[in-house]
C-alpha atoms as a PDB file:
ATOM      1  CA  MET A   1      54.607 -29.763 -22.130  1.00  0.00           C
ATOM      2  CA  PHE A   2      56.810 -28.776 -25.038  1.00  0.00           C
ATOM      3  CA  PHE A   3      59.500 -26.280 -25.924  1.00  0.00           C
ATOM      4  CA  ARG A   4      60.214 -24.699 -29.292  1.00  0.00           C
ATOM      5  CA  PRO A   5      62.979 -22.263 -30.354  1.00  0.00           C
ATOM      6  CA  VAL A   6      61.968 -18.716 -31.281  1.00  0.00           C
ATOM      7  CA  ARG A   7      64.769 -16.280 -32.142  1.00  0.00           C
ATOM      8  CA  GLY A   8      67.239 -18.189 -30.011  1.00  0.00           C
ATOM      9  CA  LEU A   9      64.855 -18.729 -27.070  1.00  0.00           C
ATOM     10  CA  LEU A  10      63.013 -21.768 -25.846  1.00  0.00           C
ATOM     11  CA  ILE A  11      59.331 -20.948 -25.695  1.00  0.00           C
ATOM     12  CA  PHE A  12      57.195 -22.833 -23.212  1.00  0.00           C
ATOM     13  CA  ARG A  13      54.015 -24.362 -24.760  1.00  0.00           C
ATOM     14  CA  ILE A  14      51.144 -26.135 -23.019  1.00  0.00           C
ATOM     15  CA  PRO A  15      49.254 -28.830 -24.956  1.00  0.00           C
ATOM     16  CA  HIS A  16      45.599 -28.013 -25.477  1.00  0.00           C
ATOM     17  CA  GLY A  17      44.402 -30.982 -23.412  1.00  0.00           C
ATOM     18  CA  LEU A  18      46.306 -29.857 -20.302  1.00  0.00           C
ATOM     19  CA  ARG A  19      45.350 -26.186 -20.259  1.00  0.00           C
ATOM     20  CA  ARG A  20      42.159 -26.506 -18.257  1.00  0.00           C
ATOM     21  CA  GLY A  21      43.709 -28.845 -15.710  1.00  0.00           C
ATOM     22  CA  LEU A  22      46.758 -26.637 -15.220  1.00  0.00           C
ATOM     23  CA  TYR A  23      44.592 -23.584 -14.826  1.00  0.00           C
ATOM     24  CA  SER A  24      42.473 -25.276 -12.156  1.00  0.00           C
ATOM     25  CA  PHE A  25      45.612 -26.428 -10.351  1.00  0.00           C
ATOM     26  CA  ALA A  26      47.178 -22.967 -10.403  1.00  0.00           C
ATOM     27  CA  ALA A  27      43.952 -21.308  -9.339  1.00  0.00           C
ATOM     28  CA  SER A  28      43.666 -23.567  -6.303  1.00  0.00           C
ATOM     29  CA  ARG A  29      47.309 -22.886  -5.393  1.00  0.00           C
ATOM     30  CA  LEU A  30      46.706 -19.163  -5.608  1.00  0.00           C
ATOM     31  CA  HIS A  31      43.423 -19.293  -3.634  1.00  0.00           C
ATOM     32  CA  PHE A  32      41.752 -17.680  -6.622  1.00  0.00           C
ATOM     33  CA  ARG A  33      38.816 -15.422  -5.817  1.00  0.00           C
ATOM     34  CA  SER A  34      36.554 -13.504  -8.162  1.00  0.00           C
ATOM     35  CA  SER A  35      37.528 -10.233  -6.510  1.00  0.00           C
ATOM     36  CA  TYR A  36      41.138 -10.527  -7.770  1.00  0.00           C
ATOM     37  CA  SER A  37      41.879  -8.414 -10.805  1.00  0.00           C
ATOM     38  CA  ALA A  38      42.711 -10.111 -14.089  1.00  0.00           C
ATOM     39  CA  ALA A  39      46.250  -8.743 -13.994  1.00  0.00           C
ATOM     40  CA  ILE A  40      46.994 -10.160 -10.505  1.00  0.00           C
ATOM     41  CA  VAL A  41      45.575 -13.557 -11.395  1.00  0.00           C
ATOM     42  CA  SER A  42      47.554 -13.642 -14.632  1.00  0.00           C
ATOM     43  CA  ALA A  43      50.837 -12.778 -12.893  1.00  0.00           C
ATOM     44  CA  ARG A  44      50.338 -15.281 -10.068  1.00  0.00           C
ATOM     45  CA  PHE A  45      49.278 -17.953 -12.509  1.00  0.00           C
ATOM     46  CA  ALA A  46      52.513 -17.557 -14.438  1.00  0.00           C
ATOM     47  CA  ALA A  47      54.566 -17.486 -11.243  1.00  0.00           C
ATOM     48  CA  ALA A  48      52.916 -20.634  -9.876  1.00  0.00           C
ATOM     49  CA  LEU A  49      53.934 -22.573 -12.984  1.00  0.00           C
ATOM     50  CA  ASN A  50      57.334 -20.916 -13.120  1.00  0.00           C
ATOM     51  CA  ILE A  51      56.691 -19.773 -16.688  1.00  0.00           C
ATOM     52  CA  PRO A  52      58.973 -17.049 -18.136  1.00  0.00           C
ATOM     53  CA  SER A  53      57.159 -13.768 -18.699  1.00  0.00           C
ATOM     54  CA  TYR A  54      57.771 -13.758 -22.453  1.00  0.00           C
ATOM     55  CA  ALA A  55      56.408 -17.305 -22.745  1.00  0.00           C
ATOM     56  CA  TRP A  56      53.410 -16.428 -20.615  1.00  0.00           C
ATOM     57  CA  CYS A  57      52.640 -13.452 -22.864  1.00  0.00           C
ATOM     58  CA  MET A  58      52.740 -15.676 -25.928  1.00  0.00           C
ATOM     59  CA  PHE A  59      50.513 -18.199 -24.206  1.00  0.00           C
ATOM     60  CA  LYS A  60      47.971 -15.515 -23.267  1.00  0.00           C
ATOM     61  CA  ASN A  61      47.949 -14.254 -26.856  1.00  0.00           C
ATOM     62  CA  SER A  62      47.314 -17.796 -28.068  1.00  0.00           C
ATOM     63  CA  ILE A  63      44.373 -18.110 -25.671  1.00  0.00           C
ATOM     64  CA  LEU A  64      42.933 -14.800 -26.889  1.00  0.00           C
ATOM     65  CA  ARG A  65      43.255 -15.901 -30.507  1.00  0.00           C
ATOM     66  CA  PHE A  66      41.576 -19.186 -29.626  1.00  0.00           C
ATOM     67  CA  ILE A  67      38.657 -17.380 -27.919  1.00  0.00           C
ATOM     68  CA  ALA A  68      38.307 -15.046 -30.919  1.00  0.00           C
ATOM     69  CA  ALA A  69      38.238 -18.036 -33.287  1.00  0.00           C
ATOM     70  CA  VAL A  70      35.539 -19.735 -31.204  1.00  0.00           C
ATOM     71  CA  GLY A  71      33.484 -16.532 -31.240  1.00  0.00           C
ATOM     72  CA  LEU A  72      33.835 -16.254 -35.014  1.00  0.00           C
ATOM     73  CA  ILE A  73      32.746 -19.855 -35.536  1.00  0.00           C
ATOM     74  CA  ALA A  74      29.759 -19.335 -33.229  1.00  0.00           C
ATOM     75  CA  SER A  75      28.758 -16.206 -35.183  1.00  0.00           C
ATOM     76  CA  ILE A  76      28.985 -18.067 -38.489  1.00  0.00           C
ATOM     77  CA  ASN A  77      26.845 -20.901 -37.134  1.00  0.00           C
ATOM     78  CA  LEU A  78      24.252 -18.432 -35.849  1.00  0.00           C
ATOM     79  CA  ALA A  79      24.130 -16.666 -39.210  1.00  0.00           C
ATOM     80  CA  ALA A  80      23.712 -20.001 -40.985  1.00  0.00           C
ATOM     81  CA  GLN A  81      20.735 -20.803 -38.772  1.00  0.00           C
ATOM     82  CA  GLN A  82      19.125 -17.504 -39.782  1.00  0.00           C
ATOM     83  CA  LEU A  83      19.402 -18.046 -43.544  1.00  0.00           C
ATOM     84  CA  PRO A  84      16.156 -17.752 -45.534  1.00  0.00           C
ATOM     85  CA  PRO A  85      13.936 -20.855 -45.455  1.00  0.00           C
ATOM     86  CA  VAL A  86      13.624 -23.424 -48.220  1.00  0.00           C
ATOM     87  CA  ARG A  87      11.045 -23.383 -51.014  1.00  0.00           C
ATOM     88  CA  GLY A  88       7.545 -22.746 -49.789  1.00  0.00           C
ATOM     89  CA  GLU A  89       8.589 -21.413 -46.366  1.00  0.00           C
ATOM     90  CA  HIS A  90       8.978 -17.712 -47.086  1.00  0.00           C
ATOM     91  CA  SER A  91       8.032 -15.351 -44.327  1.00  0.00           C
ATOM     92  CA  LYS A  92       4.406 -14.276 -44.473  1.00  0.00           C
ATOM     93  CA  ASP A  93       5.605 -10.834 -43.354  1.00  0.00           C
ATOM     94  CA  ALA A  94       7.445 -10.206 -46.652  1.00  0.00           C
ATOM     95  CA  GLU A  95       6.135  -7.024 -48.263  1.00  0.00           C
ATOM     96  CA  LEU A  96       6.037  -5.186 -51.563  1.00  0.00           C
ATOM     97  CA  ARG A  97       6.061  -1.373 -51.388  1.00  0.00           C
ATOM     98  CA  LEU A  98       4.331   0.603 -54.107  1.00  0.00           C
ATOM     99  CA  LEU A  99       5.323   4.249 -54.531  1.00  0.00           C
ATOM    100  CA  ALA A 100       3.767   6.848 -56.816  1.00  0.00           C
ATOM    101  CA  PRO A 101       3.744  10.660 -57.123  1.00  0.00           C
ATOM    102  CA  HIS A 102       1.018  12.453 -55.187  1.00  0.00           C
ATOM    103  CA  HIS A 103      -0.037   9.248 -53.438  1.00  0.00           C
ATOM    104  CA  ASP A 104       0.737   7.707 -50.094  1.00  0.00           C
ATOM    105  CA  PRO A 105       2.901   4.572 -50.232  1.00  0.00           C
ATOM    106  CA  VAL A 106       0.952   1.335 -50.390  1.00  0.00           C
ATOM    107  CA  THR A 107       2.263  -1.907 -48.935  1.00  0.00           C
ATOM    108  CA  PHE A 108       1.150  -5.395 -49.960  1.00  0.00           C
ATOM    109  CA  THR A 109       2.023  -8.514 -48.013  1.00  0.00           C
ATOM    110  CA  VAL A 110       2.466 -11.850 -49.749  1.00  0.00           C
ATOM    111  CA  THR A 111      -0.902 -12.868 -48.303  1.00  0.00           C
ATOM    112  CA  ASP A 112      -2.539  -9.744 -49.758  1.00  0.00           C
ATOM    113  CA  LEU A 113      -1.188 -10.536 -53.202  1.00  0.00           C
ATOM    114  CA  LYS A 114      -2.238 -14.180 -53.058  1.00  0.00           C
ATOM    115  CA  ALA A 115      -5.812 -13.053 -52.449  1.00  0.00           C
ATOM    116  CA  MET A 116      -5.874 -10.924 -55.625  1.00  0.00           C
ATOM    117  CA  PRO A 117      -6.806 -12.193 -59.115  1.00  0.00           C
ATOM    118  CA  HIS A 118      -3.938 -14.118 -60.703  1.00  0.00           C
ATOM    119  CA  LEU A 119      -2.816 -14.613 -64.271  1.00  0.00           C
ATOM    120  CA  THR A 120      -0.623 -17.477 -65.479  1.00  0.00           C
ATOM    121  CA  VAL A 121       1.980 -16.982 -68.207  1.00  0.00           C
ATOM    122  CA  THR A 122       4.690 -19.150 -69.736  1.00  0.00           C
ATOM    123  CA  ILE A 123       8.054 -17.751 -70.763  1.00  0.00           C
ATOM    124  CA  HIS A 124      11.222 -19.266 -72.170  1.00  0.00           C
ATOM    125  CA  ASN A 125      14.244 -18.712 -69.934  1.00  0.00           C
ATOM    126  CA  SER A 126      17.205 -18.326 -72.259  1.00  0.00           C
ATOM    127  CA  HIS A 127      19.617 -18.787 -69.357  1.00  0.00           C
ATOM    128  CA  SER A 128      18.333 -22.237 -68.405  1.00  0.00           C
ATOM    129  CA  ASN A 129      16.974 -22.988 -71.903  1.00  0.00           C
ATOM    130  CA  ALA A 130      13.691 -24.117 -70.353  1.00  0.00           C
ATOM    131  CA  ASP A 131      10.075 -22.986 -70.330  1.00  0.00           C
ATOM    132  CA  GLU A 132       8.797 -21.633 -67.018  1.00  0.00           C
ATOM    133  CA  SER A 133       5.191 -21.088 -65.973  1.00  0.00           C
ATOM    134  CA  TYR A 134       4.534 -18.206 -63.580  1.00  0.00           C
ATOM    135  CA  SER A 135       1.391 -17.148 -61.775  1.00  0.00           C
ATOM    136  CA  GLY A 136       0.907 -13.728 -60.244  1.00  0.00           C
ATOM    137  CA  VAL A 137      -0.865 -10.385 -60.141  1.00  0.00           C
ATOM    138  CA  ARG A 138      -0.707  -8.020 -63.083  1.00  0.00           C
ATOM    139  CA  LEU A 139       1.501  -5.049 -62.273  1.00  0.00           C
ATOM    140  CA  ALA A 140      -1.116  -2.840 -63.928  1.00  0.00           C
ATOM    141  CA  ASP A 141      -3.692  -3.942 -61.330  1.00  0.00           C
ATOM    142  CA  LEU A 142      -1.349  -2.803 -58.549  1.00  0.00           C
ATOM    143  CA  LEU A 143      -0.530   0.501 -60.235  1.00  0.00           C
ATOM    144  CA  ALA A 144      -4.232   1.227 -60.580  1.00  0.00           C
ATOM    145  CA  LYS A 145      -4.438   1.307 -56.778  1.00  0.00           C
ATOM    146  CA  VAL A 146      -2.152   4.356 -56.702  1.00  0.00           C
ATOM    147  CA  GLY A 147      -3.968   6.237 -59.448  1.00  0.00           C
ATOM    148  CA  ALA A 148      -1.706   5.420 -62.402  1.00  0.00           C
ATOM    149  CA  ALA A 149      -3.100   6.487 -65.790  1.00  0.00           C
ATOM    150  CA  LEU A 150      -3.905   3.245 -67.605  1.00  0.00           C
ATOM    151  CA  GLY A 151      -6.231   2.063 -70.345  1.00  0.00           C
ATOM    152  CA  SER A 152      -7.961   4.912 -72.143  1.00  0.00           C
ATOM    153  CA  ASN A 153      -6.273   7.414 -69.807  1.00  0.00           C
ATOM    154  CA  LEU A 154      -2.776   6.392 -70.914  1.00  0.00           C
ATOM    155  CA  ARG A 155      -1.990   9.156 -73.378  1.00  0.00           C
ATOM    156  CA  GLY A 156      -0.147  12.440 -73.701  1.00  0.00           C
ATOM    157  CA  LYS A 157       2.015  13.357 -70.728  1.00  0.00           C
ATOM    158  CA  SER A 158       1.090  10.111 -68.980  1.00  0.00           C
ATOM    159  CA  LEU A 159       3.300   8.262 -71.445  1.00  0.00           C
ATOM    160  CA  ALA A 160       6.311  10.000 -69.896  1.00  0.00           C
ATOM    161  CA  GLN A 161       5.930   7.847 -66.802  1.00  0.00           C
ATOM    162  CA  TYR A 162       8.032   4.787 -66.084  1.00  0.00           C
ATOM    163  CA  ILE A 163       8.402   2.107 -63.408  1.00  0.00           C
ATOM    164  CA  VAL A 164      11.503   1.262 -61.382  1.00  0.00           C
ATOM    165  CA  ALA A 165      11.418  -2.267 -59.960  1.00  0.00           C
ATOM    166  CA  SER A 166      13.832  -3.028 -57.106  1.00  0.00           C
ATOM    167  CA  GLY A 167      14.965  -6.293 -55.559  1.00  0.00           C
ATOM    168  CA  SER A 168      16.158  -6.852 -52.010  1.00  0.00           C
ATOM    169  CA  ASP A 169      19.736  -6.964 -53.361  1.00  0.00           C
ATOM    170  CA  ARG A 170      19.233  -3.438 -54.837  1.00  0.00           C
ATOM    171  CA  TYR A 171      19.083  -4.782 -58.383  1.00  0.00           C
ATOM    172  CA  GLN A 172      16.848  -2.450 -60.398  1.00  0.00           C
ATOM    173  CA  THR A 173      15.207  -2.463 -63.801  1.00  0.00           C
ATOM    174  CA  VAL A 174      13.028   0.031 -65.673  1.00  0.00           C
ATOM    175  CA  LEU A 175       9.856  -0.380 -67.709  1.00  0.00           C
ATOM    176  CA  ALA A 176       7.879   2.221 -69.612  1.00  0.00           C
ATOM    177  CA  ILE A 177       4.331   2.692 -68.379  1.00  0.00           C
ATOM    178  CA  GLY A 178       3.006   1.477 -71.727  1.00  0.00           C
ATOM    179  CA  GLU A 179       4.790  -1.872 -71.313  1.00  0.00           C
ATOM    180  CA  VAL A 180       2.792  -2.786 -68.212  1.00  0.00           C
ATOM    181  CA  ASP A 181      -0.652  -1.848 -69.561  1.00  0.00           C
ATOM    182  CA  PRO A 182      -2.257  -4.863 -71.303  1.00  0.00           C
ATOM    183  CA  GLU A 183      -4.497  -2.487 -73.267  1.00  0.00           C
ATOM    184  CA  PHE A 184      -1.442  -0.718 -74.650  1.00  0.00           C
ATOM    185  CA  HIS A 185       1.110  -3.491 -75.033  1.00  0.00           C
ATOM    186  CA  PRO A 186       0.692  -7.166 -76.023  1.00  0.00           C
ATOM    187  CA  GLY A 187       3.013  -8.531 -73.341  1.00  0.00           C
ATOM    188  CA  GLU A 188       2.294  -9.185 -69.682  1.00  0.00           C
ATOM    189  CA  VAL A 189       4.155  -7.910 -66.625  1.00  0.00           C
ATOM    190  CA  LEU A 190       3.388  -9.828 -63.442  1.00  0.00           C
ATOM    191  CA  VAL A 191       4.324  -9.762 -59.800  1.00  0.00           C
ATOM    192  CA  ALA A 192       4.610 -13.545 -59.572  1.00  0.00           C
ATOM    193  CA  ASP A 193       4.488 -15.668 -56.418  1.00  0.00           C
ATOM    194  CA  THR A 194       4.614 -19.177 -57.931  1.00  0.00           C
ATOM    195  CA  MET A 195       6.556 -20.963 -60.660  1.00  0.00           C
ATOM    196  CA  ASP A 196       5.359 -24.230 -62.166  1.00  0.00           C
ATOM    197  CA  GLY A 197       2.642 -24.390 -59.531  1.00  0.00           C
ATOM    198  CA  LYS A 198       5.007 -24.063 -56.550  1.00  0.00           C
ATOM    199  CA  PRO A 199       5.978 -21.097 -54.371  1.00  0.00           C
ATOM    200  CA  LEU A 200       9.105 -19.353 -55.582  1.00  0.00           C
ATOM    201  CA  ASP A 201      12.332 -20.602 -54.023  1.00  0.00           C
ATOM    202  CA  VAL A 202      14.529 -18.404 -51.850  1.00  0.00           C
ATOM    203  CA  ARG A 203      16.722 -17.462 -54.795  1.00  0.00           C
ATOM    204  CA  SER A 204      13.804 -15.916 -56.674  1.00  0.00           C
ATOM    205  CA  GLY A 205      11.052 -15.145 -54.188  1.00  0.00           C
ATOM    206  CA  PRO A 206       8.810 -14.759 -52.432  1.00  0.00           C
ATOM    207  CA  LEU A 207       7.954 -12.284 -55.203  1.00  0.00           C
ATOM    208  CA  LYS A 208       9.420 -11.874 -58.674  1.00  0.00           C
ATOM    209  CA  LEU A 209       8.771  -9.441 -61.491  1.00  0.00           C
ATOM    210  CA  VAL A 210       8.127 -11.338 -64.729  1.00  0.00           C
ATOM    211  CA  VAL A 211       8.200  -9.630 -68.163  1.00  0.00           C
ATOM    212  CA  THR A 212       6.885 -11.962 -70.845  1.00  0.00           C
ATOM    213  CA  GLU A 213       7.993 -10.126 -73.999  1.00  0.00           C
ATOM    214  CA  ASP A 214      11.687  -9.897 -73.102  1.00  0.00           C
ATOM    215  CA  LYS A 215      13.943 -12.312 -74.992  1.00  0.00           C
ATOM    216  CA  HIS A 216      16.225 -12.483 -71.973  1.00  0.00           C
ATOM    217  CA  PRO A 217      15.009 -12.458 -68.318  1.00  0.00           C
ATOM    218  CA  ALA A 218      17.258  -9.563 -67.317  1.00  0.00           C
ATOM    219  CA  ARG A 219      14.287  -7.464 -66.192  1.00  0.00           C
ATOM    220  CA  SER A 220      12.719 -10.301 -64.211  1.00  0.00           C
ATOM    221  CA  VAL A 221      13.673  -8.915 -60.794  1.00  0.00           C
ATOM    222  CA  ARG A 222      14.124 -11.591 -58.140  1.00  0.00           C
ATOM    223  CA  ASN A 223      13.136 -10.973 -54.509  1.00  0.00           C
ATOM    224  CA  LEU A 224      11.024  -8.014 -55.582  1.00  0.00           C
ATOM    225  CA  VAL A 225      10.486  -5.551 -52.715  1.00  0.00           C
ATOM    226  CA  GLU A 226       9.578  -2.223 -54.313  1.00  0.00           C
ATOM    227  CA  ILE A 227       7.781  -0.773 -57.315  1.00  0.00           C
ATOM    228  CA  GLU A 228       8.030   2.973 -57.929  1.00  0.00           C
ATOM    229  CA  LEU A 229       6.153   4.992 -60.532  1.00  0.00           C
ATOM    230  CA  ARG A 230       8.141   8.003 -61.728  1.00  0.00           C
ATOM    231  CA  THR A 231       7.814  10.728 -64.344  1.00  0.00           C
ATOM    232  CA  VAL A 232      10.542  11.793 -66.771  1.00  0.00           C
ATOM    233  CA  GLN A 233      11.768  15.246 -65.781  1.00  0.00           C
END
C-alpha cells in the first residue's frame, strides 16, 4: 500500500495486484451477500479496511475509470474484428441499387453482376502512375434495364439526363447520359468487379465505377453502391 500527498492530505492507494485479494478479504469479513445494496457494501468495505472516506471515493473513481477503459478497449477490439475482409473475400450480399424516374428500383448483387457479360479495359492511373486493367459490366447495359434512352433513342430531351454515382462513403460523381452510351461516346464506363484479374480489394470494391476517358480517376467511384438516373429540371 502507498500514500501520496494531494492538497496537503495523504491519499491511500492500493496497488493493482492487491485489489482483488483485499476485496475478497473485506467481503468475507462483511459476510457479503448479493442482496446487500451497492452503497452498503461500499461503505462497509471502506470501514473494514479503515480507509478515509475521501480516499475511498478516489479509489472508487479509479476503479470506475479502469472499468470504462477496459470496456473501451473491448469495443475497439470487437470493431477491429468486424472490419471488411481482405482482397477476394467481399460479402456476397453486397448490392448495387439502380434508380430511375418512372421505374421501380432495381438491385443487383455482386453475384448477379458477375453473371452478366463483361468488358475489359485498361486505363492509366495518374495517381499511382501505373496502368490498371479492369473488368466489369457496361453501365449502359444496366441502365437499359430501367428503360434509359440509349443508342438511337438517345436524342432530344433524353440528352438532358445524367447519372449520379454514389459510393458507400457518400462520395458522388456525375456523368452525362451520352458519356455512358458506347454508341454516342468513344469511352467506356464500367461497373468493375476485378482489377488485373483479381477481385477488387476492400479499399476499392467490391464494385467500382471506371471511366476510361478521364485523364484523372476522380470519377472512378470506389465501393460503388448506387447509380441514379436523373433529368435536368
